[in-house]
Amino acid sequence: MAIGVFGEKLGMTHIFNEEGSSIPVTLIKIDTCQISQIKTYDTDGYNAVQVAYGEKKLDTVSKPLRGHLEKIGSKGFKLLGEFSVENPTSYKLGQNLTLDLFSVGQVVKITGKSIGKGFAGNQKRHNFARGPMTHGSKNHRLPGSIGAGSTPGRVYPGKKMAGQLGNATVTIKNTEILYINKDESVIALRGSLPGKKKNILKIITKD
């Protein structure tokens, strides 16, 4: 359980290490992140810190959220999220979370929405094999049997079939921070991360 921030995915590029090898990285822009609520086991049943991300005009925020944010200076934010922490009393309401939480070489956990790819068949969605393409076969990309006959007389839940591909919450563990630019508030993490450009990612520090 550890604190973290939210960031906007800028895209991918590559950097070179000391040996001259090219390493693919994803750039993330860290905008204003401010603690908007502190939850404890005594008052809420669990320990967590709520973080508000991305300042925006206050008049675009609903009245309930506006009243909630008045505790930290009446600033409008476009996203609220929680981080489970061991000791929430060590944080202050209205505290700004910056890139000082991170360091080069640190390993973090990333959570975000993957790119939605619409309705897809079994081959693309579940990496199924196709049917034979010759000898008069009419089963090239059909799903095939989806269960027994009269018993059980239904399709078991969880059966892998065609359907929505992507647009799901994905967590990438043990992603290394390779570069930090505090002037531009940008960090570079090794490899690819969920979603397309401008996707909001949750960056959680490791214990």
N, C-alpha and C. Protein backbone atom coordinates (compact mmCIF):
# COMPACT_ATOMS: atom_id res chain seq x y z
N MET A 1 0.84 -1.18 0.00
CA MET A 1 0.00 0.00 0.00
C MET A 1 0.88 1.24 0.00
N ALA A 2 0.73 2.09 -1.01
CA ALA A 2 1.61 3.25 -1.13
C ALA A 2 0.89 4.35 -1.89
N ILE A 3 1.38 5.57 -1.71
CA ILE A 3 0.80 6.73 -2.37
C ILE A 3 1.25 6.77 -3.82
N GLY A 4 0.61 7.62 -4.62
CA GLY A 4 0.98 7.78 -6.02
C GLY A 4 0.35 9.02 -6.59
N VAL A 5 0.42 9.16 -7.91
CA VAL A 5 -0.12 10.31 -8.61
C VAL A 5 -0.83 9.85 -9.88
N PHE A 6 -1.49 10.79 -10.54
CA PHE A 6 -2.08 10.56 -11.85
C PHE A 6 -1.30 11.34 -12.90
N GLY A 7 -1.24 10.78 -14.10
CA GLY A 7 -0.52 11.45 -15.18
C GLY A 7 -1.17 11.19 -16.52
N GLU A 8 -0.84 12.03 -17.48
CA GLU A 8 -1.38 11.93 -18.84
C GLU A 8 -0.33 11.34 -19.78
N LYS A 9 -0.70 10.32 -20.50
CA LYS A 9 0.23 9.68 -21.43
C LYS A 9 0.47 10.59 -22.62
N LEU A 10 1.74 10.89 -22.88
CA LEU A 10 2.11 11.77 -24.00
C LEU A 10 2.43 10.97 -25.26
N GLY A 11 2.87 9.74 -25.10
CA GLY A 11 3.25 8.93 -26.26
C GLY A 11 4.52 8.15 -25.96
N MET A 12 5.07 7.52 -26.99
CA MET A 12 6.27 6.70 -26.83
C MET A 12 7.43 7.28 -27.63
N THR A 13 8.63 7.01 -27.14
CA THR A 13 9.85 7.37 -27.85
C THR A 13 10.92 6.37 -27.40
N HIS A 14 12.19 6.70 -27.59
CA HIS A 14 13.24 5.80 -27.11
C HIS A 14 14.41 6.64 -26.62
N ILE A 15 15.14 6.07 -25.69
CA ILE A 15 16.34 6.71 -25.18
C ILE A 15 17.49 5.71 -25.26
N PHE A 16 18.71 6.21 -25.08
CA PHE A 16 19.89 5.35 -25.14
C PHE A 16 20.54 5.26 -23.76
N ASN A 17 20.92 4.05 -23.38
CA ASN A 17 21.61 3.88 -22.11
C ASN A 17 23.11 4.09 -22.29
N GLU A 18 23.87 3.84 -21.23
CA GLU A 18 25.32 4.09 -21.27
C GLU A 18 26.04 3.17 -22.24
N GLU A 19 25.46 1.99 -22.50
CA GLU A 19 26.08 1.06 -23.45
C GLU A 19 25.70 1.36 -24.90
N GLY A 20 24.81 2.34 -25.09
CA GLY A 20 24.40 2.70 -26.44
C GLY A 20 23.20 1.94 -26.95
N SER A 21 22.57 1.12 -26.10
CA SER A 21 21.39 0.37 -26.51
C SER A 21 20.15 1.27 -26.49
N SER A 22 19.27 1.06 -27.48
CA SER A 22 18.03 1.83 -27.56
C SER A 22 16.96 1.17 -26.69
N ILE A 23 16.33 1.96 -25.82
CA ILE A 23 15.32 1.45 -24.90
C ILE A 23 14.00 2.17 -25.17
N PRO A 24 12.93 1.43 -25.48
CA PRO A 24 11.63 2.08 -25.69
C PRO A 24 11.06 2.59 -24.36
N VAL A 25 10.51 3.79 -24.37
CA VAL A 25 9.96 4.38 -23.14
C VAL A 25 8.63 5.05 -23.47
N THR A 26 7.81 5.20 -22.44
CA THR A 26 6.56 5.94 -22.52
C THR A 26 6.68 7.20 -21.68
N LEU A 27 6.33 8.35 -22.25
CA LEU A 27 6.40 9.63 -21.55
C LEU A 27 5.06 9.94 -20.90
N ILE A 28 5.12 10.38 -19.63
CA ILE A 28 3.91 10.72 -18.88
C ILE A 28 4.07 12.11 -18.30
N LYS A 29 3.05 12.93 -18.51
CA LYS A 29 3.02 14.30 -17.97
C LYS A 29 2.26 14.28 -16.64
N ILE A 30 2.92 14.73 -15.58
CA ILE A 30 2.30 14.76 -14.27
C ILE A 30 1.73 16.16 -14.03
N ASP A 31 0.40 16.26 -13.96
CA ASP A 31 -0.26 17.53 -13.71
C ASP A 31 -0.45 17.71 -12.21
N THR A 32 -1.17 18.75 -11.81
CA THR A 32 -1.40 19.02 -10.39
C THR A 32 -2.16 17.87 -9.73
N CYS A 33 -1.58 17.32 -8.69
CA CYS A 33 -2.21 16.27 -7.88
C CYS A 33 -2.25 16.75 -6.44
N GLN A 34 -3.45 16.79 -5.88
CA GLN A 34 -3.64 17.35 -4.54
C GLN A 34 -4.51 16.41 -3.71
N ILE A 35 -4.13 16.20 -2.46
CA ILE A 35 -4.91 15.34 -1.57
C ILE A 35 -6.21 16.04 -1.21
N SER A 36 -7.34 15.44 -1.58
CA SER A 36 -8.65 16.06 -1.37
C SER A 36 -9.44 15.42 -0.24
N GLN A 37 -9.01 14.24 0.25
CA GLN A 37 -9.70 13.60 1.36
C GLN A 37 -8.79 12.54 1.97
N ILE A 38 -8.85 12.43 3.27
CA ILE A 38 -8.08 11.42 3.99
C ILE A 38 -9.06 10.48 4.68
N LYS A 39 -8.99 9.20 4.33
CA LYS A 39 -9.90 8.22 4.88
C LYS A 39 -9.15 7.31 5.85
N THR A 40 -9.76 7.09 7.00
CA THR A 40 -9.16 6.23 8.02
C THR A 40 -10.09 5.07 8.34
N TYR A 41 -9.54 4.09 9.00
CA TYR A 41 -10.33 2.90 9.35
C TYR A 41 -11.45 3.26 10.32
N ASP A 42 -11.22 4.22 11.18
CA ASP A 42 -12.23 4.60 12.18
C ASP A 42 -13.43 5.28 11.54
N THR A 43 -13.21 6.12 10.54
CA THR A 43 -14.30 6.90 9.95
C THR A 43 -14.90 6.26 8.69
N ASP A 44 -14.07 5.54 7.90
CA ASP A 44 -14.54 5.01 6.62
C ASP A 44 -14.43 3.50 6.50
N GLY A 45 -13.80 2.85 7.46
CA GLY A 45 -13.67 1.40 7.42
C GLY A 45 -12.42 0.91 6.72
N TYR A 46 -11.60 1.82 6.19
CA TYR A 46 -10.35 1.45 5.54
C TYR A 46 -9.45 2.67 5.47
N ASN A 47 -8.17 2.43 5.26
CA ASN A 47 -7.20 3.52 5.17
C ASN A 47 -6.90 3.84 3.72
N ALA A 48 -7.07 5.09 3.34
CA ALA A 48 -6.81 5.50 1.96
C ALA A 48 -6.66 7.01 1.89
N VAL A 49 -6.09 7.46 0.81
CA VAL A 49 -5.95 8.88 0.52
C VAL A 49 -6.57 9.16 -0.84
N GLN A 50 -7.50 10.12 -0.88
CA GLN A 50 -8.12 10.51 -2.15
C GLN A 50 -7.31 11.65 -2.77
N VAL A 51 -6.98 11.48 -4.05
CA VAL A 51 -6.16 12.46 -4.76
C VAL A 51 -6.96 13.06 -5.90
N ALA A 52 -6.98 14.40 -5.96
CA ALA A 52 -7.63 15.13 -7.06
C ALA A 52 -6.58 15.46 -8.11
N TYR A 53 -6.94 15.24 -9.38
CA TYR A 53 -5.96 15.41 -10.46
C TYR A 53 -6.52 16.34 -11.54
N GLY A 54 -5.67 17.21 -12.07
CA GLY A 54 -6.02 18.02 -13.23
C GLY A 54 -6.92 19.19 -12.89
N GLU A 55 -6.33 20.34 -12.61
CA GLU A 55 -7.13 21.52 -12.29
C GLU A 55 -7.93 21.99 -13.50
N LYS A 56 -9.14 22.48 -13.23
CA LYS A 56 -9.97 23.10 -14.26
C LYS A 56 -10.83 24.16 -13.61
N LYS A 57 -11.59 24.91 -14.42
CA LYS A 57 -12.40 26.00 -13.90
C LYS A 57 -13.45 25.48 -12.92
N LEU A 58 -13.61 26.21 -11.85
CA LEU A 58 -14.53 25.78 -10.80
C LEU A 58 -15.97 25.74 -11.26
N ASP A 59 -16.36 26.64 -12.20
CA ASP A 59 -17.76 26.69 -12.63
C ASP A 59 -18.15 25.49 -13.50
N THR A 60 -17.19 24.66 -13.89
CA THR A 60 -17.50 23.46 -14.67
C THR A 60 -17.66 22.23 -13.78
N VAL A 61 -17.55 22.43 -12.46
CA VAL A 61 -17.66 21.33 -11.51
C VAL A 61 -19.04 21.33 -10.89
N SER A 62 -19.60 20.15 -10.67
CA SER A 62 -20.93 20.04 -10.06
C SER A 62 -20.90 20.59 -8.63
N LYS A 63 -22.07 21.00 -8.15
CA LYS A 63 -22.14 21.61 -6.81
C LYS A 63 -21.70 20.66 -5.70
N PRO A 64 -22.10 19.36 -5.72
CA PRO A 64 -21.60 18.47 -4.66
C PRO A 64 -20.09 18.34 -4.65
N LEU A 65 -19.49 18.21 -5.83
CA LEU A 65 -18.04 18.10 -5.91
C LEU A 65 -17.37 19.42 -5.52
N ARG A 66 -18.02 20.54 -5.88
CA ARG A 66 -17.47 21.85 -5.52
C ARG A 66 -17.41 22.01 -4.01
N GLY A 67 -18.47 21.58 -3.32
CA GLY A 67 -18.46 21.65 -1.87
C GLY A 67 -17.41 20.73 -1.26
N HIS A 68 -17.21 19.58 -1.91
CA HIS A 68 -16.20 18.64 -1.43
C HIS A 68 -14.80 19.22 -1.56
N LEU A 69 -14.57 19.96 -2.65
CA LEU A 69 -13.23 20.49 -2.92
C LEU A 69 -12.96 21.81 -2.20
N GLU A 70 -13.98 22.40 -1.59
CA GLU A 70 -13.77 23.65 -0.86
C GLU A 70 -12.79 23.48 0.29
N LYS A 71 -12.67 22.25 0.78
CA LYS A 71 -11.77 21.99 1.90
C LYS A 71 -10.31 22.18 1.52
N ILE A 72 -10.01 22.11 0.23
CA ILE A 72 -8.61 22.24 -0.20
C ILE A 72 -8.40 23.52 -1.01
N GLY A 73 -9.32 24.48 -0.89
CA GLY A 73 -9.11 25.77 -1.54
C GLY A 73 -10.01 26.04 -2.72
N SER A 74 -11.12 25.31 -2.86
CA SER A 74 -12.12 25.57 -3.90
C SER A 74 -11.55 25.51 -5.31
N LYS A 75 -10.73 24.50 -5.59
CA LYS A 75 -10.20 24.33 -6.93
C LYS A 75 -10.95 23.22 -7.65
N GLY A 76 -11.24 23.42 -8.92
CA GLY A 76 -11.90 22.39 -9.70
C GLY A 76 -10.91 21.37 -10.23
N PHE A 77 -11.29 20.11 -10.21
CA PHE A 77 -10.45 19.04 -10.73
C PHE A 77 -11.29 18.12 -11.61
N LYS A 78 -10.64 17.49 -12.58
CA LYS A 78 -11.35 16.65 -13.53
C LYS A 78 -11.38 15.17 -13.15
N LEU A 79 -10.63 14.79 -12.10
CA LEU A 79 -10.57 13.38 -11.75
C LEU A 79 -10.23 13.23 -10.28
N LEU A 80 -10.91 12.26 -9.63
CA LEU A 80 -10.61 11.90 -8.25
C LEU A 80 -10.29 10.41 -8.20
N GLY A 81 -9.29 10.04 -7.43
CA GLY A 81 -8.92 8.64 -7.30
C GLY A 81 -8.32 8.37 -5.93
N GLU A 82 -8.31 7.11 -5.54
CA GLU A 82 -7.84 6.74 -4.21
C GLU A 82 -6.58 5.88 -4.28
N PHE A 83 -5.78 6.02 -3.23
CA PHE A 83 -4.59 5.19 -3.05
C PHE A 83 -4.64 4.62 -1.64
N SER A 84 -4.53 3.30 -1.53
CA SER A 84 -4.48 2.66 -0.23
C SER A 84 -3.13 2.92 0.42
N VAL A 85 -3.15 3.40 1.65
CA VAL A 85 -1.92 3.71 2.36
C VAL A 85 -1.97 3.06 3.74
N GLU A 86 -0.79 2.81 4.30
CA GLU A 86 -0.70 2.17 5.61
C GLU A 86 -1.04 3.14 6.73
N ASN A 87 -0.53 4.38 6.59
CA ASN A 87 -0.73 5.37 7.65
C ASN A 87 -1.24 6.68 7.04
N PRO A 88 -2.56 6.84 6.90
CA PRO A 88 -3.10 8.05 6.25
C PRO A 88 -2.86 9.32 7.05
N THR A 89 -2.63 9.21 8.36
CA THR A 89 -2.43 10.40 9.17
C THR A 89 -1.11 11.10 8.87
N SER A 90 -0.23 10.44 8.11
CA SER A 90 1.05 11.07 7.75
C SER A 90 0.91 12.04 6.58
N TYR A 91 -0.30 12.14 6.03
CA TYR A 91 -0.56 13.06 4.92
C TYR A 91 -1.48 14.18 5.39
N LYS A 92 -1.43 15.31 4.70
CA LYS A 92 -2.23 16.47 5.06
C LYS A 92 -3.23 16.80 3.96
N LEU A 93 -4.40 17.27 4.37
CA LEU A 93 -5.43 17.68 3.42
C LEU A 93 -4.93 18.89 2.63
N GLY A 94 -5.04 18.83 1.30
CA GLY A 94 -4.56 19.91 0.45
C GLY A 94 -3.10 19.78 0.06
N GLN A 95 -2.43 18.75 0.53
CA GLN A 95 -1.00 18.55 0.21
C GLN A 95 -0.82 18.24 -1.26
N ASN A 96 0.15 18.91 -1.89
CA ASN A 96 0.47 18.68 -3.29
C ASN A 96 1.44 17.50 -3.42
N LEU A 97 1.13 16.62 -4.37
CA LEU A 97 2.01 15.48 -4.65
C LEU A 97 2.78 15.79 -5.92
N THR A 98 4.09 15.75 -5.85
CA THR A 98 4.95 16.15 -6.96
C THR A 98 5.85 15.00 -7.38
N LEU A 99 6.75 15.31 -8.32
CA LEU A 99 7.70 14.31 -8.80
C LEU A 99 8.76 13.96 -7.76
N ASP A 100 8.74 14.64 -6.63
CA ASP A 100 9.69 14.30 -5.56
C ASP A 100 9.42 12.91 -5.00
N LEU A 101 8.24 12.36 -5.29
CA LEU A 101 7.92 11.00 -4.85
C LEU A 101 8.74 9.95 -5.59
N PHE A 102 9.28 10.33 -6.76
CA PHE A 102 9.92 9.35 -7.63
C PHE A 102 11.41 9.64 -7.79
N SER A 103 12.13 8.62 -8.23
CA SER A 103 13.55 8.75 -8.52
C SER A 103 13.90 7.82 -9.69
N VAL A 104 14.97 8.15 -10.39
CA VAL A 104 15.40 7.33 -11.52
C VAL A 104 15.84 5.95 -11.01
N GLY A 105 15.36 4.91 -11.68
CA GLY A 105 15.65 3.55 -11.25
C GLY A 105 14.58 2.96 -10.35
N GLN A 106 13.63 3.79 -9.91
CA GLN A 106 12.56 3.31 -9.04
C GLN A 106 11.57 2.46 -9.84
N VAL A 107 11.01 1.45 -9.20
CA VAL A 107 10.02 0.58 -9.82
C VAL A 107 8.63 0.96 -9.32
N VAL A 108 7.69 1.16 -10.24
CA VAL A 108 6.33 1.58 -9.90
C VAL A 108 5.32 0.65 -10.57
N LYS A 109 4.06 0.83 -10.17
CA LYS A 109 2.95 0.07 -10.76
C LYS A 109 2.03 1.03 -11.49
N ILE A 110 1.61 0.67 -12.71
CA ILE A 110 0.79 1.53 -13.56
C ILE A 110 -0.56 0.88 -13.81
N THR A 111 -1.63 1.66 -13.66
CA THR A 111 -2.98 1.19 -13.95
C THR A 111 -3.67 2.17 -14.89
N GLY A 112 -4.33 1.64 -15.93
CA GLY A 112 -5.03 2.50 -16.88
C GLY A 112 -5.94 1.69 -17.78
N LYS A 113 -6.72 2.39 -18.61
CA LYS A 113 -7.63 1.75 -19.55
C LYS A 113 -6.90 1.44 -20.85
N SER A 114 -7.04 0.19 -21.32
CA SER A 114 -6.43 -0.19 -22.59
C SER A 114 -7.22 0.37 -23.76
N ILE A 115 -6.62 0.36 -24.93
CA ILE A 115 -7.28 0.87 -26.14
C ILE A 115 -8.44 -0.04 -26.51
N GLY A 116 -9.62 0.54 -26.72
CA GLY A 116 -10.78 -0.24 -27.15
C GLY A 116 -10.68 -0.59 -28.62
N LYS A 117 -10.93 -1.87 -28.97
CA LYS A 117 -10.80 -2.32 -30.35
C LYS A 117 -12.12 -2.86 -30.91
N GLY A 118 -13.21 -2.59 -30.20
CA GLY A 118 -14.52 -2.98 -30.72
C GLY A 118 -14.81 -4.46 -30.60
N PHE A 119 -15.81 -4.91 -31.37
CA PHE A 119 -16.21 -6.32 -31.36
C PHE A 119 -15.20 -7.14 -32.15
N ALA A 120 -14.72 -8.22 -31.55
CA ALA A 120 -13.71 -9.06 -32.19
C ALA A 120 -14.08 -10.52 -32.04
N GLY A 121 -13.62 -11.33 -32.98
CA GLY A 121 -13.89 -12.76 -32.97
C GLY A 121 -12.92 -13.51 -32.08
N ASN A 122 -13.10 -14.83 -32.04
CA ASN A 122 -12.29 -15.67 -31.14
C ASN A 122 -10.80 -15.63 -31.49
N GLN A 123 -10.49 -15.62 -32.80
CA GLN A 123 -9.08 -15.67 -33.19
C GLN A 123 -8.33 -14.43 -32.69
N LYS A 124 -8.93 -13.28 -32.87
CA LYS A 124 -8.26 -12.04 -32.47
C LYS A 124 -8.36 -11.80 -30.97
N ARG A 125 -9.50 -12.14 -30.39
CA ARG A 125 -9.73 -11.83 -28.98
C ARG A 125 -9.04 -12.80 -28.03
N HIS A 126 -9.05 -14.10 -28.37
CA HIS A 126 -8.51 -15.12 -27.47
C HIS A 126 -7.35 -15.92 -28.09
N ASN A 127 -6.90 -15.51 -29.28
CA ASN A 127 -5.79 -16.19 -29.95
C ASN A 127 -6.12 -17.65 -30.26
N PHE A 128 -7.38 -17.93 -30.63
CA PHE A 128 -7.78 -19.27 -31.03
C PHE A 128 -7.19 -19.63 -32.39
N ALA A 129 -7.06 -20.93 -32.65
CA ALA A 129 -6.63 -21.40 -33.97
C ALA A 129 -7.83 -21.42 -34.91
N ARG A 130 -7.60 -21.25 -36.20
CA ARG A 130 -8.68 -21.30 -37.19
C ARG A 130 -8.91 -22.73 -37.64
N GLY A 131 -9.98 -22.92 -38.38
CA GLY A 131 -10.26 -24.23 -38.96
C GLY A 131 -9.46 -24.44 -40.24
N PRO A 132 -9.53 -25.65 -40.83
CA PRO A 132 -8.80 -25.91 -42.08
C PRO A 132 -9.32 -25.05 -43.23
N MET A 133 -8.41 -24.65 -44.10
CA MET A 133 -8.77 -23.76 -45.21
C MET A 133 -9.02 -24.52 -46.50
N THR A 134 -8.83 -25.86 -46.52
CA THR A 134 -8.97 -26.63 -47.76
C THR A 134 -9.94 -27.80 -47.56
N HIS A 135 -10.04 -28.64 -48.60
CA HIS A 135 -10.85 -29.87 -48.58
C HIS A 135 -12.32 -29.60 -48.26
N GLY A 136 -12.82 -28.47 -48.76
CA GLY A 136 -14.24 -28.19 -48.62
C GLY A 136 -14.69 -27.76 -47.24
N SER A 137 -13.73 -27.47 -46.37
CA SER A 137 -14.10 -27.04 -45.02
C SER A 137 -14.84 -25.71 -45.08
N LYS A 138 -15.94 -25.64 -44.34
CA LYS A 138 -16.68 -24.38 -44.24
C LYS A 138 -16.54 -23.77 -42.85
N ASN A 139 -15.57 -24.27 -42.11
CA ASN A 139 -15.32 -23.76 -40.77
C ASN A 139 -13.93 -23.13 -40.73
N HIS A 140 -13.84 -21.88 -41.18
CA HIS A 140 -12.55 -21.20 -41.20
C HIS A 140 -12.32 -20.39 -39.92
N ARG A 141 -13.30 -19.59 -39.57
CA ARG A 141 -13.17 -18.74 -38.37
C ARG A 141 -14.40 -18.85 -37.48
N LEU A 142 -15.14 -19.93 -37.60
CA LEU A 142 -16.32 -20.13 -36.75
C LEU A 142 -15.90 -20.51 -35.33
N PRO A 143 -16.72 -20.22 -34.33
CA PRO A 143 -16.33 -20.51 -32.95
C PRO A 143 -16.34 -21.99 -32.60
N GLY A 144 -17.12 -22.81 -33.29
CA GLY A 144 -17.19 -24.22 -32.95
C GLY A 144 -18.15 -24.48 -31.81
N SER A 145 -18.05 -25.65 -31.20
CA SER A 145 -18.95 -26.02 -30.11
C SER A 145 -18.75 -25.11 -28.91
N ILE A 146 -19.84 -24.74 -28.25
CA ILE A 146 -19.77 -23.89 -27.06
C ILE A 146 -20.30 -24.64 -25.83
N GLY A 147 -20.49 -25.96 -25.95
CA GLY A 147 -20.93 -26.72 -24.78
C GLY A 147 -21.62 -28.01 -25.18
N ALA A 148 -22.02 -28.79 -24.17
CA ALA A 148 -22.72 -30.06 -24.42
C ALA A 148 -24.18 -29.82 -24.80
N GLY A 149 -24.91 -30.91 -25.08
CA GLY A 149 -26.29 -30.80 -25.57
C GLY A 149 -27.31 -30.62 -24.46
N SER A 150 -28.12 -31.66 -24.23
CA SER A 150 -29.21 -31.54 -23.26
C SER A 150 -28.69 -31.38 -21.83
N THR A 151 -27.49 -31.86 -21.58
CA THR A 151 -26.88 -31.68 -20.27
C THR A 151 -25.55 -30.96 -20.43
N PRO A 152 -25.38 -29.77 -19.93
CA PRO A 152 -26.25 -29.06 -18.99
C PRO A 152 -27.36 -28.25 -19.66
N GLY A 153 -27.39 -28.20 -20.98
CA GLY A 153 -28.44 -27.44 -21.66
C GLY A 153 -28.26 -25.94 -21.61
N ARG A 154 -27.06 -25.52 -21.32
CA ARG A 154 -26.76 -24.07 -21.28
C ARG A 154 -25.27 -23.88 -21.50
N VAL A 155 -24.88 -22.64 -21.69
CA VAL A 155 -23.47 -22.30 -21.85
C VAL A 155 -22.91 -21.87 -20.50
N TYR A 156 -21.82 -22.48 -20.09
CA TYR A 156 -21.23 -22.14 -18.79
C TYR A 156 -20.72 -20.69 -18.79
N PRO A 157 -20.91 -19.98 -17.68
CA PRO A 157 -20.39 -18.61 -17.57
C PRO A 157 -18.87 -18.60 -17.75
N GLY A 158 -18.37 -17.56 -18.41
CA GLY A 158 -16.93 -17.43 -18.62
C GLY A 158 -16.43 -18.09 -19.88
N LYS A 159 -17.34 -18.66 -20.69
CA LYS A 159 -16.93 -19.29 -21.94
C LYS A 159 -16.30 -18.25 -22.87
N LYS A 160 -15.14 -18.57 -23.41
CA LYS A 160 -14.45 -17.64 -24.29
C LYS A 160 -15.14 -17.61 -25.65
N MET A 161 -15.70 -16.45 -25.96
CA MET A 161 -16.43 -16.28 -27.22
C MET A 161 -16.11 -14.90 -27.79
N ALA A 162 -16.69 -14.58 -28.93
CA ALA A 162 -16.50 -13.26 -29.53
C ALA A 162 -17.13 -12.19 -28.66
N GLY A 163 -16.57 -10.98 -28.72
CA GLY A 163 -17.12 -9.89 -27.92
C GLY A 163 -16.19 -8.70 -27.89
N GLN A 164 -16.42 -7.82 -26.92
CA GLN A 164 -15.64 -6.60 -26.78
C GLN A 164 -14.17 -6.91 -26.51
N LEU A 165 -13.30 -6.28 -27.28
CA LEU A 165 -11.85 -6.44 -27.11
C LEU A 165 -11.26 -5.11 -26.67
N GLY A 166 -10.46 -5.14 -25.62
CA GLY A 166 -9.85 -3.92 -25.11
C GLY A 166 -10.81 -3.12 -24.24
N ASN A 167 -10.48 -1.84 -24.02
CA ASN A 167 -11.28 -0.94 -23.18
C ASN A 167 -11.48 -1.54 -21.79
N ALA A 168 -10.42 -2.13 -21.25
CA ALA A 168 -10.48 -2.77 -19.94
C ALA A 168 -9.36 -2.21 -19.06
N THR A 169 -9.56 -2.26 -17.77
CA THR A 169 -8.54 -1.79 -16.83
C THR A 169 -7.36 -2.76 -16.81
N VAL A 170 -6.18 -2.23 -17.08
CA VAL A 170 -4.96 -3.04 -17.17
C VAL A 170 -3.95 -2.50 -16.16
N THR A 171 -3.28 -3.41 -15.45
CA THR A 171 -2.25 -3.03 -14.50
C THR A 171 -0.91 -3.61 -14.93
N ILE A 172 0.08 -2.75 -15.03
CA ILE A 172 1.44 -3.15 -15.38
C ILE A 172 2.30 -3.03 -14.13
N LYS A 173 2.86 -4.15 -13.67
CA LYS A 173 3.67 -4.14 -12.46
C LYS A 173 5.16 -4.03 -12.80
N ASN A 174 5.91 -3.52 -11.86
CA ASN A 174 7.38 -3.47 -11.94
C ASN A 174 7.87 -2.73 -13.18
N THR A 175 7.32 -1.53 -13.40
CA THR A 175 7.78 -0.67 -14.48
C THR A 175 8.83 0.31 -13.96
N GLU A 176 9.97 0.36 -14.62
CA GLU A 176 11.10 1.15 -14.12
C GLU A 176 11.08 2.58 -14.67
N ILE A 177 11.35 3.53 -13.79
CA ILE A 177 11.49 4.93 -14.21
C ILE A 177 12.91 5.15 -14.70
N LEU A 178 13.05 5.59 -15.96
CA LEU A 178 14.37 5.76 -16.56
C LEU A 178 14.80 7.22 -16.66
N TYR A 179 13.84 8.14 -16.58
CA TYR A 179 14.20 9.56 -16.78
C TYR A 179 13.15 10.43 -16.10
N ILE A 180 13.59 11.52 -15.49
CA ILE A 180 12.70 12.48 -14.84
C ILE A 180 13.10 13.89 -15.24
N ASN A 181 12.14 14.66 -15.72
CA ASN A 181 12.37 16.07 -16.06
C ASN A 181 11.43 16.90 -15.19
N LYS A 182 11.95 17.46 -14.10
CA LYS A 182 11.11 18.21 -13.17
C LYS A 182 10.67 19.55 -13.74
N ASP A 183 11.46 20.12 -14.64
CA ASP A 183 11.08 21.41 -15.24
C ASP A 183 9.82 21.27 -16.09
N GLU A 184 9.73 20.18 -16.86
CA GLU A 184 8.56 19.93 -17.70
C GLU A 184 7.53 19.04 -17.02
N SER A 185 7.86 18.54 -15.82
CA SER A 185 6.98 17.63 -15.07
C SER A 185 6.65 16.39 -15.89
N VAL A 186 7.70 15.77 -16.45
CA VAL A 186 7.55 14.61 -17.31
C VAL A 186 8.46 13.50 -16.80
N ILE A 187 7.94 12.27 -16.81
CA ILE A 187 8.76 11.11 -16.49
C ILE A 187 8.70 10.12 -17.65
N ALA A 188 9.75 9.32 -17.79
CA ALA A 188 9.82 8.30 -18.83
C ALA A 188 9.92 6.94 -18.17
N LEU A 189 9.00 6.04 -18.54
CA LEU A 189 8.99 4.69 -17.98
C LEU A 189 9.29 3.67 -19.06
N ARG A 190 9.98 2.61 -18.68
CA ARG A 190 10.40 1.59 -19.63
C ARG A 190 9.20 0.88 -20.25
N GLY A 191 9.24 0.70 -21.59
CA GLY A 191 8.24 -0.10 -22.28
C GLY A 191 6.94 0.65 -22.56
N SER A 192 5.95 -0.09 -23.06
CA SER A 192 4.65 0.48 -23.40
C SER A 192 3.72 0.40 -22.21
N LEU A 193 2.76 1.31 -22.18
CA LEU A 193 1.78 1.39 -21.10
C LEU A 193 0.37 1.44 -21.68
N PRO A 194 -0.66 1.12 -20.90
CA PRO A 194 -2.03 1.01 -21.43
C PRO A 194 -2.55 2.32 -22.01
N GLY A 195 -3.41 2.17 -23.03
CA GLY A 195 -4.13 3.32 -23.58
C GLY A 195 -3.39 4.05 -24.69
N LYS A 196 -4.10 5.01 -25.25
CA LYS A 196 -3.53 5.85 -26.31
C LYS A 196 -3.08 7.18 -25.73
N LYS A 197 -2.68 8.10 -26.59
CA LYS A 197 -2.24 9.41 -26.13
C LYS A 197 -3.37 10.11 -25.37
N LYS A 198 -3.00 10.87 -24.34
CA LYS A 198 -3.90 11.62 -23.46
C LYS A 198 -4.68 10.71 -22.51
N ASN A 199 -4.35 9.43 -22.48
CA ASN A 199 -4.98 8.53 -21.52
C ASN A 199 -4.45 8.83 -20.11
N ILE A 200 -5.35 8.81 -19.12
CA ILE A 200 -4.95 9.08 -17.74
C ILE A 200 -4.49 7.79 -17.09
N LEU A 201 -3.28 7.80 -16.53
CA LEU A 201 -2.69 6.65 -15.90
C LEU A 201 -2.50 6.88 -14.41
N LYS A 202 -2.69 5.83 -13.64
CA LYS A 202 -2.49 5.87 -12.19
C LYS A 202 -1.12 5.28 -11.88
N ILE A 203 -0.24 6.07 -11.28
CA ILE A 203 1.13 5.66 -11.01
C ILE A 203 1.26 5.44 -9.50
N ILE A 204 1.54 4.21 -9.09
CA ILE A 204 1.60 3.86 -7.69
C ILE A 204 3.03 3.49 -7.32
N THR A 205 3.55 4.12 -6.28
CA THR A 205 4.90 3.79 -5.82
C THR A 205 4.89 2.45 -5.11
N LYS A 206 5.99 1.73 -5.22
CA LYS A 206 6.09 0.42 -4.57
C LYS A 206 6.52 0.62 -3.12
N ASP A 207 6.07 -0.34 -2.26
CA ASP A 207 6.47 -0.29 -0.85
C ASP A 207 7.96 -0.56 -0.70
